[in-house]
Amino acid sequence: RLALETAAERIRAYHVRQMPENALWTDPDGATLGWRWTPVAAAGL
């Protein structure tokens, strides 16, 4: 149990750093552009 918890903690910490950031900016022509990240609603393993 302790080994699984140790593994889970390390796996979680690594993957938190992978989370991408949303972005939004206005270009020189005056267009507002960007992207947004959203999760899938349901996953099956």
ModelCIF file with pLDDT and N, C-alpha, C, O atoms, coordinates in Angstrom:
data_MODEL
#
_entry.id   MODEL 
#
_entity.id                         1 
_entity.type                       polymer 
_entity.pdbx_number_of_molecules   1 
#
_entity_poly.entity_id                      1 
_entity_poly.type                           'polypeptide(L)' 
_entity_poly.nstd_linkage                   no 
_entity_poly.nstd_monomer                   no 
_entity_poly.pdbx_seq_one_letter_code       RLALETAAERIRAYHVRQMPENALWTDPDGATLGWRWTPVAAAGL 
_entity_poly.pdbx_seq_one_letter_code_can   RLALETAAERIRAYHVRQMPENALWTDPDGATLGWRWTPVAAAGL 
_entity_poly.pdbx_strand_id                 A 
#
loop_
_entity_poly_seq.entity_id 
_entity_poly_seq.num 
_entity_poly_seq.mon_id 
_entity_poly_seq.hetero 
1 1  ARG n 
1 2  LEU n 
1 3  ALA n 
1 4  LEU n 
1 5  GLU n 
1 6  THR n 
1 7  ALA n 
1 8  ALA n 
1 9  GLU n 
1 10 ARG n 
1 11 ILE n 
1 12 ARG n 
1 13 ALA n 
1 14 TYR n 
1 15 HIS n 
1 16 VAL n 
1 17 ARG n 
1 18 GLN n 
1 19 MET n 
1 20 PRO n 
1 21 GLU n 
1 22 ASN n 
1 23 ALA n 
1 24 LEU n 
1 25 TRP n 
1 26 THR n 
1 27 ASP n 
1 28 PRO n 
1 29 ASP n 
1 30 GLY n 
1 31 ALA n 
1 32 THR n 
1 33 LEU n 
1 34 GLY n 
1 35 TRP n 
1 36 ARG n 
1 37 TRP n 
1 38 THR n 
1 39 PRO n 
1 40 VAL n 
1 41 ALA n 
1 42 ALA n 
1 43 ALA n 
1 44 GLY n 
1 45 LEU n 
#
_struct_asym.id          A 
_struct_asym.entity_id   1 
#
loop_
_ma_qa_metric.id 
_ma_qa_metric.mode 
_ma_qa_metric.name 
_ma_qa_metric.software_group_id 
_ma_qa_metric.type 
1 global pLDDT . pLDDT 
2 local  pLDDT . pLDDT 
#
_ma_qa_metric_global.metric_id      1 
_ma_qa_metric_global.metric_value   97.84 
_ma_qa_metric_global.model_id       1 
_ma_qa_metric_global.ordinal_id     1 
#
loop_
_ma_qa_metric_local.label_asym_id 
_ma_qa_metric_local.label_comp_id 
_ma_qa_metric_local.label_seq_id 
_ma_qa_metric_local.metric_id 
_ma_qa_metric_local.metric_value 
_ma_qa_metric_local.model_id 
_ma_qa_metric_local.ordinal_id 
A ARG 1  2 97.00 1 1  
A LEU 2  2 98.00 1 2  
A ALA 3  2 97.00 1 3  
A LEU 4  2 98.00 1 4  
A GLU 5  2 98.00 1 5  
A THR 6  2 98.00 1 6  
A ALA 7  2 98.00 1 7  
A ALA 8  2 98.00 1 8  
A GLU 9  2 98.00 1 9  
A ARG 10 2 98.00 1 10 
A ILE 11 2 98.00 1 11 
A ARG 12 2 98.00 1 12 
A ALA 13 2 98.00 1 13 
A TYR 14 2 98.00 1 14 
A HIS 15 2 98.00 1 15 
A VAL 16 2 98.00 1 16 
A ARG 17 2 98.00 1 17 
A GLN 18 2 98.00 1 18 
A MET 19 2 98.00 1 19 
A PRO 20 2 98.00 1 20 
A GLU 21 2 98.00 1 21 
A ASN 22 2 98.00 1 22 
A ALA 23 2 98.00 1 23 
A LEU 24 2 98.00 1 24 
A TRP 25 2 98.00 1 25 
A THR 26 2 98.00 1 26 
A ASP 27 2 97.00 1 27 
A PRO 28 2 97.00 1 28 
A ASP 29 2 97.00 1 29 
A GLY 30 2 97.00 1 30 
A ALA 31 2 98.00 1 31 
A THR 32 2 98.00 1 32 
A LEU 33 2 98.00 1 33 
A GLY 34 2 98.00 1 34 
A TRP 35 2 98.00 1 35 
A ARG 36 2 98.00 1 36 
A TRP 37 2 98.00 1 37 
A THR 38 2 98.00 1 38 
A PRO 39 2 98.00 1 39 
A VAL 40 2 98.00 1 40 
A ALA 41 2 98.00 1 41 
A ALA 42 2 98.00 1 42 
A ALA 43 2 98.00 1 43 
A GLY 44 2 98.00 1 44 
A LEU 45 2 97.00 1 45 
#
loop_
_atom_site.group_PDB 
_atom_site.id 
_atom_site.type_symbol 
_atom_site.label_atom_id 
_atom_site.label_alt_id 
_atom_site.label_comp_id 
_atom_site.label_asym_id 
_atom_site.label_entity_id 
_atom_site.label_seq_id 
_atom_site.pdbx_PDB_ins_code 
_atom_site.Cartn_x 
_atom_site.Cartn_y 
_atom_site.Cartn_z 
_atom_site.occupancy 
_atom_site.B_iso_or_equiv 
_atom_site.pdbx_formal_charge 
_atom_site.auth_seq_id 
_atom_site.auth_comp_id 
_atom_site.auth_asym_id 
_atom_site.auth_atom_id 
_atom_site.pdbx_PDB_model_num 
ATOM 1   N N  . ARG A 1 1  ? 0.838   -1.204 0.000   1.00 97.00 ? 1  ARG A N  1 
ATOM 2   C CA . ARG A 1 1  ? 0.000   0.000  0.000   1.00 97.00 ? 1  ARG A CA 1 
ATOM 3   C C  . ARG A 1 1  ? 0.872   1.254  0.000   1.00 97.00 ? 1  ARG A C  1 
ATOM 4   O O  . ARG A 1 1  ? 0.621   2.191  -0.757  1.00 97.00 ? 1  ARG A O  1 
ATOM 5   N N  . LEU A 1 2  ? 1.898   1.265  0.853   1.00 98.00 ? 2  LEU A N  1 
ATOM 6   C CA . LEU A 1 2  ? 2.790   2.422  0.917   1.00 98.00 ? 2  LEU A CA 1 
ATOM 7   C C  . LEU A 1 2  ? 3.540   2.615  -0.401  1.00 98.00 ? 2  LEU A C  1 
ATOM 8   O O  . LEU A 1 2  ? 3.752   3.747  -0.836  1.00 98.00 ? 2  LEU A O  1 
ATOM 9   N N  . ALA A 1 3  ? 3.940   1.515  -1.035  1.00 97.00 ? 3  ALA A N  1 
ATOM 10  C CA . ALA A 1 3  ? 4.638   1.617  -2.316  1.00 97.00 ? 3  ALA A CA 1 
ATOM 11  C C  . ALA A 1 3  ? 3.727   2.212  -3.387  1.00 97.00 ? 3  ALA A C  1 
ATOM 12  O O  . ALA A 1 3  ? 4.158   3.057  -4.171  1.00 97.00 ? 3  ALA A O  1 
ATOM 13  N N  . LEU A 1 4  ? 2.473   1.773  -3.420  1.00 98.00 ? 4  LEU A N  1 
ATOM 14  C CA . LEU A 1 4  ? 1.522   2.338  -4.378  1.00 98.00 ? 4  LEU A CA 1 
ATOM 15  C C  . LEU A 1 4  ? 1.296   3.826  -4.115  1.00 98.00 ? 4  LEU A C  1 
ATOM 16  O O  . LEU A 1 4  ? 1.218   4.615  -5.057  1.00 98.00 ? 4  LEU A O  1 
ATOM 17  N N  . GLU A 1 5  ? 1.192   4.209  -2.857  1.00 98.00 ? 5  GLU A N  1 
ATOM 18  C CA . GLU A 1 5  ? 0.978   5.617  -2.527  1.00 98.00 ? 5  GLU A CA 1 
ATOM 19  C C  . GLU A 1 5  ? 2.188   6.464  -2.915  1.00 98.00 ? 5  GLU A C  1 
ATOM 20  O O  . GLU A 1 5  ? 2.038   7.586  -3.398  1.00 98.00 ? 5  GLU A O  1 
ATOM 21  N N  . THR A 1 6  ? 3.385   5.922  -2.700  1.00 98.00 ? 6  THR A N  1 
ATOM 22  C CA . THR A 1 6  ? 4.595   6.634  -3.119  1.00 98.00 ? 6  THR A CA 1 
ATOM 23  C C  . THR A 1 6  ? 4.615   6.819  -4.628  1.00 98.00 ? 6  THR A C  1 
ATOM 24  O O  . THR A 1 6  ? 4.895   7.910  -5.127  1.00 98.00 ? 6  THR A O  1 
ATOM 25  N N  . ALA A 1 7  ? 4.317   5.743  -5.350  1.00 98.00 ? 7  ALA A N  1 
ATOM 26  C CA . ALA A 1 7  ? 4.285   5.832  -6.810  1.00 98.00 ? 7  ALA A CA 1 
ATOM 27  C C  . ALA A 1 7  ? 3.250   6.842  -7.270  1.00 98.00 ? 7  ALA A C  1 
ATOM 28  O O  . ALA A 1 7  ? 3.524   7.662  -8.145  1.00 98.00 ? 7  ALA A O  1 
ATOM 29  N N  . ALA A 1 8  ? 2.056   6.786  -6.681  1.00 98.00 ? 8  ALA A N  1 
ATOM 30  C CA . ALA A 1 8  ? 0.983   7.698  -7.081  1.00 98.00 ? 8  ALA A CA 1 
ATOM 31  C C  . ALA A 1 8  ? 1.370   9.151  -6.854  1.00 98.00 ? 8  ALA A C  1 
ATOM 32  O O  . ALA A 1 8  ? 1.094   10.010 -7.691  1.00 98.00 ? 8  ALA A O  1 
ATOM 33  N N  . GLU A 1 9  ? 2.005   9.424  -5.728  1.00 98.00 ? 9  GLU A N  1 
ATOM 34  C CA . GLU A 1 9  ? 2.414   10.798 -5.423  1.00 98.00 ? 9  GLU A CA 1 
ATOM 35  C C  . GLU A 1 9  ? 3.409   11.322 -6.451  1.00 98.00 ? 9  GLU A C  1 
ATOM 36  O O  . GLU A 1 9  ? 3.310   12.465 -6.897  1.00 98.00 ? 9  GLU A O  1 
ATOM 37  N N  . ARG A 1 10 ? 4.359   10.486 -6.820  1.00 98.00 ? 10 ARG A N  1 
ATOM 38  C CA . ARG A 1 10 ? 5.372   10.915 -7.789  1.00 98.00 ? 10 ARG A CA 1 
ATOM 39  C C  . ARG A 1 10 ? 4.776   11.054 -9.201  1.00 98.00 ? 10 ARG A C  1 
ATOM 40  O O  . ARG A 1 10 ? 5.093   11.999 -9.923  1.00 98.00 ? 10 ARG A O  1 
ATOM 41  N N  . ILE A 1 11 ? 3.926   10.118 -9.577  1.00 98.00 ? 11 ILE A N  1 
ATOM 42  C CA . ILE A 1 11 ? 3.283   10.192 -10.894 1.00 98.00 ? 11 ILE A CA 1 
ATOM 43  C C  . ILE A 1 11 ? 2.411   11.436 -10.993 1.00 98.00 ? 11 ILE A C  1 
ATOM 44  O O  . ILE A 1 11 ? 2.414   12.129 -12.010 1.00 98.00 ? 11 ILE A O  1 
ATOM 45  N N  . ARG A 1 12 ? 1.671   11.709 -9.933  1.00 98.00 ? 12 ARG A N  1 
ATOM 46  C CA . ARG A 1 12 ? 0.796   12.893 -9.928  1.00 98.00 ? 12 ARG A CA 1 
ATOM 47  C C  . ARG A 1 12 ? 1.620   14.180 -10.035 1.00 98.00 ? 12 ARG A C  1 
ATOM 48  O O  . ARG A 1 12 ? 1.280   15.071 -10.814 1.00 98.00 ? 12 ARG A O  1 
ATOM 49  N N  . ALA A 1 13 ? 2.698   14.280 -9.258  1.00 98.00 ? 13 ALA A N  1 
ATOM 50  C CA . ALA A 1 13 ? 3.525   15.489 -9.277  1.00 98.00 ? 13 ALA A CA 1 
ATOM 51  C C  . ALA A 1 13 ? 4.128   15.728 -10.657 1.00 98.00 ? 13 ALA A C  1 
ATOM 52  O O  . ALA A 1 13 ? 4.205   16.869 -11.114 1.00 98.00 ? 13 ALA A O  1 
ATOM 53  N N  . TYR A 1 14 ? 4.551   14.668 -11.314 1.00 98.00 ? 14 TYR A N  1 
ATOM 54  C CA . TYR A 1 14 ? 5.130   14.810 -12.652 1.00 98.00 ? 14 TYR A CA 1 
ATOM 55  C C  . TYR A 1 14 ? 4.085   15.293 -13.650 1.00 98.00 ? 14 TYR A C  1 
ATOM 56  O O  . TYR A 1 14 ? 4.346   16.193 -14.448 1.00 98.00 ? 14 TYR A O  1 
ATOM 57  N N  . HIS A 1 15 ? 2.897   14.687 -13.599 1.00 98.00 ? 15 HIS A N  1 
ATOM 58  C CA . HIS A 1 15 ? 1.889   15.004 -14.602 1.00 98.00 ? 15 HIS A CA 1 
ATOM 59  C C  . HIS A 1 15 ? 1.238   16.357 -14.374 1.00 98.00 ? 15 HIS A C  1 
ATOM 60  O O  . HIS A 1 15 ? 0.734   16.959 -15.322 1.00 98.00 ? 15 HIS A O  1 
ATOM 61  N N  . VAL A 1 16 ? 1.235   16.850 -13.144 1.00 98.00 ? 16 VAL A N  1 
ATOM 62  C CA . VAL A 1 16 ? 0.725   18.206 -12.905 1.00 98.00 ? 16 VAL A CA 1 
ATOM 63  C C  . VAL A 1 16 ? 1.537   19.216 -13.709 1.00 98.00 ? 16 VAL A C  1 
ATOM 64  O O  . VAL A 1 16 ? 0.993   20.202 -14.207 1.00 98.00 ? 16 VAL A O  1 
ATOM 65  N N  . ARG A 1 17 ? 2.841   18.968 -13.835 1.00 98.00 ? 17 ARG A N  1 
ATOM 66  C CA . ARG A 1 17 ? 3.692   19.884 -14.588 1.00 98.00 ? 17 ARG A CA 1 
ATOM 67  C C  . ARG A 1 17 ? 3.421   19.851 -16.091 1.00 98.00 ? 17 ARG A C  1 
ATOM 68  O O  . ARG A 1 17 ? 3.833   20.757 -16.815 1.00 98.00 ? 17 ARG A O  1 
ATOM 69  N N  . GLN A 1 18 ? 2.736   18.821 -16.559 1.00 98.00 ? 18 GLN A N  1 
ATOM 70  C CA . GLN A 1 18 ? 2.423   18.728 -17.986 1.00 98.00 ? 18 GLN A CA 1 
ATOM 71  C C  . GLN A 1 18 ? 1.215   19.571 -18.389 1.00 98.00 ? 18 GLN A C  1 
ATOM 72  O O  . GLN A 1 18 ? 0.990   19.791 -19.580 1.00 98.00 ? 18 GLN A O  1 
ATOM 73  N N  . MET A 1 19 ? 0.446   20.039 -17.432 1.00 98.00 ? 19 MET A N  1 
ATOM 74  C CA . MET A 1 19 ? -0.779  20.761 -17.771 1.00 98.00 ? 19 MET A CA 1 
ATOM 75  C C  . MET A 1 19 ? -0.457  22.006 -18.600 1.00 98.00 ? 19 MET A C  1 
ATOM 76  O O  . MET A 1 19 ? 0.317   22.858 -18.164 1.00 98.00 ? 19 MET A O  1 
ATOM 77  N N  . PRO A 1 20 ? -1.045  22.115 -19.789 1.00 98.00 ? 20 PRO A N  1 
ATOM 78  C CA . PRO A 1 20 ? -0.789  23.277 -20.634 1.00 98.00 ? 20 PRO A CA 1 
ATOM 79  C C  . PRO A 1 20 ? -1.614  24.479 -20.172 1.00 98.00 ? 20 PRO A C  1 
ATOM 80  O O  . PRO A 1 20 ? -2.580  24.331 -19.424 1.00 98.00 ? 20 PRO A O  1 
ATOM 81  N N  . GLU A 1 21 ? -1.224  25.656 -20.622 1.00 98.00 ? 21 GLU A N  1 
ATOM 82  C CA . GLU A 1 21 ? -1.915  26.881 -20.243 1.00 98.00 ? 21 GLU A CA 1 
ATOM 83  C C  . GLU A 1 21 ? -2.797  27.377 -21.384 1.00 98.00 ? 21 GLU A C  1 
ATOM 84  O O  . GLU A 1 21 ? -2.463  27.229 -22.559 1.00 98.00 ? 21 GLU A O  1 
ATOM 85  N N  . ASN A 1 22 ? -3.930  27.968 -21.011 1.00 98.00 ? 22 ASN A N  1 
ATOM 86  C CA . ASN A 1 22 ? -4.763  28.652 -21.991 1.00 98.00 ? 22 ASN A CA 1 
ATOM 87  C C  . ASN A 1 22 ? -4.038  29.915 -22.456 1.00 98.00 ? 22 ASN A C  1 
ATOM 88  O O  . ASN A 1 22 ? -3.163  30.426 -21.757 1.00 98.00 ? 22 ASN A O  1 
ATOM 89  N N  . ALA A 1 23 ? -4.401  30.411 -23.624 1.00 98.00 ? 23 ALA A N  1 
ATOM 90  C CA . ALA A 1 23 ? -3.759  31.625 -24.149 1.00 98.00 ? 23 ALA A CA 1 
ATOM 91  C C  . ALA A 1 23 ? -4.780  32.478 -24.879 1.00 98.00 ? 23 ALA A C  1 
ATOM 92  O O  . ALA A 1 23 ? -5.713  31.958 -25.491 1.00 98.00 ? 23 ALA A O  1 
ATOM 93  N N  . LEU A 1 24 ? -4.601  33.777 -24.813 1.00 98.00 ? 24 LEU A N  1 
ATOM 94  C CA . LEU A 1 24 ? -5.479  34.735 -25.495 1.00 98.00 ? 24 LEU A CA 1 
ATOM 95  C C  . LEU A 1 24 ? -4.670  36.002 -25.750 1.00 98.00 ? 24 LEU A C  1 
ATOM 96  O O  . LEU A 1 24 ? -4.046  36.537 -24.833 1.00 98.00 ? 24 LEU A O  1 
ATOM 97  N N  . TRP A 1 25 ? -4.679  36.482 -26.989 1.00 98.00 ? 25 TRP A N  1 
ATOM 98  C CA . TRP A 1 25 ? -3.940  37.706 -27.310 1.00 98.00 ? 25 TRP A CA 1 
ATOM 99  C C  . TRP A 1 25 ? -4.623  38.429 -28.466 1.00 98.00 ? 25 TRP A C  1 
ATOM 100 O O  . TRP A 1 25 ? -5.465  37.857 -29.159 1.00 98.00 ? 25 TRP A O  1 
ATOM 101 N N  . THR A 1 26 ? -4.259  39.673 -28.663 1.00 98.00 ? 26 THR A N  1 
ATOM 102 C CA . THR A 1 26 ? -4.756  40.477 -29.770 1.00 98.00 ? 26 THR A CA 1 
ATOM 103 C C  . THR A 1 26 ? -3.602  40.755 -30.719 1.00 98.00 ? 26 THR A C  1 
ATOM 104 O O  . THR A 1 26 ? -2.564  41.277 -30.313 1.00 98.00 ? 26 THR A O  1 
ATOM 105 N N  . ASP A 1 27 ? -3.789  40.401 -31.992 1.00 97.00 ? 27 ASP A N  1 
ATOM 106 C CA . ASP A 1 27 ? -2.691  40.561 -32.949 1.00 97.00 ? 27 ASP A CA 1 
ATOM 107 C C  . ASP A 1 27 ? -2.679  41.985 -33.520 1.00 97.00 ? 27 ASP A C  1 
ATOM 108 O O  . ASP A 1 27 ? -3.582  42.769 -33.228 1.00 97.00 ? 27 ASP A O  1 
ATOM 109 N N  . PRO A 1 28 ? -1.681  42.324 -34.318 1.00 97.00 ? 28 PRO A N  1 
ATOM 110 C CA . PRO A 1 28 ? -1.567  43.705 -34.831 1.00 97.00 ? 28 PRO A CA 1 
ATOM 111 C C  . PRO A 1 28 ? -2.755  44.172 -35.663 1.00 97.00 ? 28 PRO A C  1 
ATOM 112 O O  . PRO A 1 28 ? -2.995  45.375 -35.765 1.00 97.00 ? 28 PRO A O  1 
ATOM 113 N N  . ASP A 1 29 ? -3.508  43.242 -36.262 1.00 97.00 ? 29 ASP A N  1 
ATOM 114 C CA . ASP A 1 29 ? -4.674  43.634 -37.054 1.00 97.00 ? 29 ASP A CA 1 
ATOM 115 C C  . ASP A 1 29 ? -5.919  43.862 -36.197 1.00 97.00 ? 29 ASP A C  1 
ATOM 116 O O  . ASP A 1 29 ? -6.953  44.291 -36.709 1.00 97.00 ? 29 ASP A O  1 
ATOM 117 N N  . GLY A 1 30 ? -5.826  43.578 -34.896 1.00 97.00 ? 30 GLY A N  1 
ATOM 118 C CA . GLY A 1 30 ? -6.956  43.787 -34.007 1.00 97.00 ? 30 GLY A CA 1 
ATOM 119 C C  . GLY A 1 30 ? -7.810  42.555 -33.783 1.00 97.00 ? 30 GLY A C  1 
ATOM 120 O O  . GLY A 1 30 ? -8.884  42.649 -33.189 1.00 97.00 ? 30 GLY A O  1 
ATOM 121 N N  . ALA A 1 31 ? -7.345  41.382 -34.256 1.00 98.00 ? 31 ALA A N  1 
ATOM 122 C CA . ALA A 1 31 ? -8.079  40.131 -34.024 1.00 98.00 ? 31 ALA A CA 1 
ATOM 123 C C  . ALA A 1 31 ? -7.655  39.543 -32.685 1.00 98.00 ? 31 ALA A C  1 
ATOM 124 O O  . ALA A 1 31 ? -6.471  39.514 -32.350 1.00 98.00 ? 31 ALA A O  1 
ATOM 125 N N  . THR A 1 32 ? -8.644  39.075 -31.926 1.00 98.00 ? 32 THR A N  1 
ATOM 126 C CA . THR A 1 32 ? -8.357  38.385 -30.670 1.00 98.00 ? 32 THR A CA 1 
ATOM 127 C C  . THR A 1 32 ? -8.326  36.888 -30.947 1.00 98.00 ? 32 THR A C  1 
ATOM 128 O O  . THR A 1 32 ? -9.293  36.320 -31.453 1.00 98.00 ? 32 THR A O  1 
ATOM 129 N N  . LEU A 1 33 ? -7.189  36.246 -30.604 1.00 98.00 ? 33 LEU A N  1 
ATOM 130 C CA . LEU A 1 33 ? -6.976  34.840 -30.932 1.00 98.00 ? 33 LEU A CA 1 
ATOM 131 C C  . LEU A 1 33 ? -6.479  34.092 -29.706 1.00 98.00 ? 33 LEU A C  1 
ATOM 132 O O  . LEU A 1 33 ? -5.961  34.692 -28.764 1.00 98.00 ? 33 LEU A O  1 
ATOM 133 N N  . GLY A 1 34 ? -6.643  32.790 -29.730 1.00 98.00 ? 34 GLY A N  1 
ATOM 134 C CA . GLY A 1 34 ? -6.119  31.998 -28.623 1.00 98.00 ? 34 GLY A CA 1 
ATOM 135 C C  . GLY A 1 34 ? -6.598  30.573 -28.659 1.00 98.00 ? 34 GLY A C  1 
ATOM 136 O O  . GLY A 1 34 ? -7.082  30.074 -29.675 1.00 98.00 ? 34 GLY A O  1 
ATOM 137 N N  . TRP A 1 35 ? -6.449  29.934 -27.522 1.00 98.00 ? 35 TRP A N  1 
ATOM 138 C CA . TRP A 1 35 ? -6.930  28.566 -27.366 1.00 98.00 ? 35 TRP A CA 1 
ATOM 139 C C  . TRP A 1 35 ? -7.277  28.304 -25.911 1.00 98.00 ? 35 TRP A C  1 
ATOM 140 O O  . TRP A 1 35 ? -6.830  29.003 -25.001 1.00 98.00 ? 35 TRP A O  1 
ATOM 141 N N  . ARG A 1 36 ? -8.086  27.279 -25.727 1.00 98.00 ? 36 ARG A N  1 
ATOM 142 C CA . ARG A 1 36 ? -8.521  26.889 -24.386 1.00 98.00 ? 36 ARG A CA 1 
ATOM 143 C C  . ARG A 1 36 ? -8.488  25.368 -24.295 1.00 98.00 ? 36 ARG A C  1 
ATOM 144 O O  . ARG A 1 36 ? -8.915  24.670 -25.214 1.00 98.00 ? 36 ARG A O  1 
ATOM 145 N N  . TRP A 1 37 ? -7.978  24.868 -23.179 1.00 98.00 ? 37 TRP A N  1 
ATOM 146 C CA . TRP A 1 37 ? -7.896  23.422 -22.946 1.00 98.00 ? 37 TRP A CA 1 
ATOM 147 C C  . TRP A 1 37 ? -9.028  22.977 -22.014 1.00 98.00 ? 37 TRP A C  1 
ATOM 148 O O  . TRP A 1 37 ? -9.259  23.588 -20.970 1.00 98.00 ? 37 TRP A O  1 
ATOM 149 N N  . THR A 1 38 ? -9.721  21.918 -22.399 1.00 98.00 ? 38 THR A N  1 
ATOM 150 C CA . THR A 1 38 ? -10.769 21.364 -21.544 1.00 98.00 ? 38 THR A CA 1 
ATOM 151 C C  . THR A 1 38 ? -10.649 19.838 -21.537 1.00 98.00 ? 38 THR A C  1 
ATOM 152 O O  . THR A 1 38 ? -10.267 19.250 -22.548 1.00 98.00 ? 38 THR A O  1 
ATOM 153 N N  . PRO A 1 39 ? -10.965 19.195 -20.423 1.00 98.00 ? 39 PRO A N  1 
ATOM 154 C CA . PRO A 1 39 ? -10.844 17.732 -20.353 1.00 98.00 ? 39 PRO A CA 1 
ATOM 155 C C  . PRO A 1 39 ? -11.988 17.022 -21.054 1.00 98.00 ? 39 PRO A C  1 
ATOM 156 O O  . PRO A 1 39 ? -13.070 17.582 -21.232 1.00 98.00 ? 39 PRO A O  1 
ATOM 157 N N  . VAL A 1 40 ? -11.734 15.777 -21.451 1.00 98.00 ? 40 VAL A N  1 
ATOM 158 C CA . VAL A 1 40 ? -12.840 14.935 -21.890 1.00 98.00 ? 40 VAL A CA 1 
ATOM 159 C C  . VAL A 1 40 ? -13.753 14.721 -20.677 1.00 98.00 ? 40 VAL A C  1 
ATOM 160 O O  . VAL A 1 40 ? -13.287 14.736 -19.538 1.00 98.00 ? 40 VAL A O  1 
ATOM 161 N N  . ALA A 1 41 ? -15.028 14.525 -20.919 1.00 98.00 ? 41 ALA A N  1 
ATOM 162 C CA . ALA A 1 41 ? -15.974 14.407 -19.807 1.00 98.00 ? 41 ALA A CA 1 
ATOM 163 C C  . ALA A 1 41 ? -15.856 13.063 -19.097 1.00 98.00 ? 41 ALA A C  1 
ATOM 164 O O  . ALA A 1 41 ? -16.014 12.983 -17.879 1.00 98.00 ? 41 ALA A O  1 
ATOM 165 N N  . ALA A 1 42 ? -15.579 12.005 -19.862 1.00 98.00 ? 42 ALA A N  1 
ATOM 166 C CA . ALA A 1 42 ? -15.531 10.661 -19.262 1.00 98.00 ? 42 ALA A CA 1 
ATOM 167 C C  . ALA A 1 42 ? -14.473 9.826  -19.968 1.00 98.00 ? 42 ALA A C  1 
ATOM 168 O O  . ALA A 1 42 ? -14.342 9.879  -21.190 1.00 98.00 ? 42 ALA A O  1 
ATOM 169 N N  . ALA A 1 43 ? -13.723 9.059  -19.193 1.00 98.00 ? 43 ALA A N  1 
ATOM 170 C CA . ALA A 1 43 ? -12.693 8.185  -19.747 1.00 98.00 ? 43 ALA A CA 1 
ATOM 171 C C  . ALA A 1 43 ? -12.826 6.796  -19.153 1.00 98.00 ? 43 ALA A C  1 
ATOM 172 O O  . ALA A 1 43 ? -13.201 6.631  -17.993 1.00 98.00 ? 43 ALA A O  1 
ATOM 173 N N  . GLY A 1 44 ? -12.510 5.801  -19.970 1.00 98.00 ? 44 GLY A N  1 
ATOM 174 C CA . GLY A 1 44 ? -12.525 4.414  -19.521 1.00 98.00 ? 44 GLY A CA 1 
ATOM 175 C C  . GLY A 1 44 ? -11.146 3.802  -19.661 1.00 98.00 ? 44 GLY A C  1 
ATOM 176 O O  . GLY A 1 44 ? -10.495 3.961  -20.694 1.00 98.00 ? 44 GLY A O  1 
ATOM 177 N N  . LEU A 1 45 ? -10.703 3.114  -18.645 1.00 97.00 ? 45 LEU A N  1 
ATOM 178 C CA . LEU A 1 45 ? -9.393  2.495  -18.644 1.00 97.00 ? 45 LEU A CA 1 
ATOM 179 C C  . LEU A 1 45 ? -9.546  0.983  -18.671 1.00 97.00 ? 45 LEU A C  1 
ATOM 180 O O  . LEU A 1 45 ? -8.548  0.262  -18.674 1.00 97.00 ? 45 LEU A O  1 
#
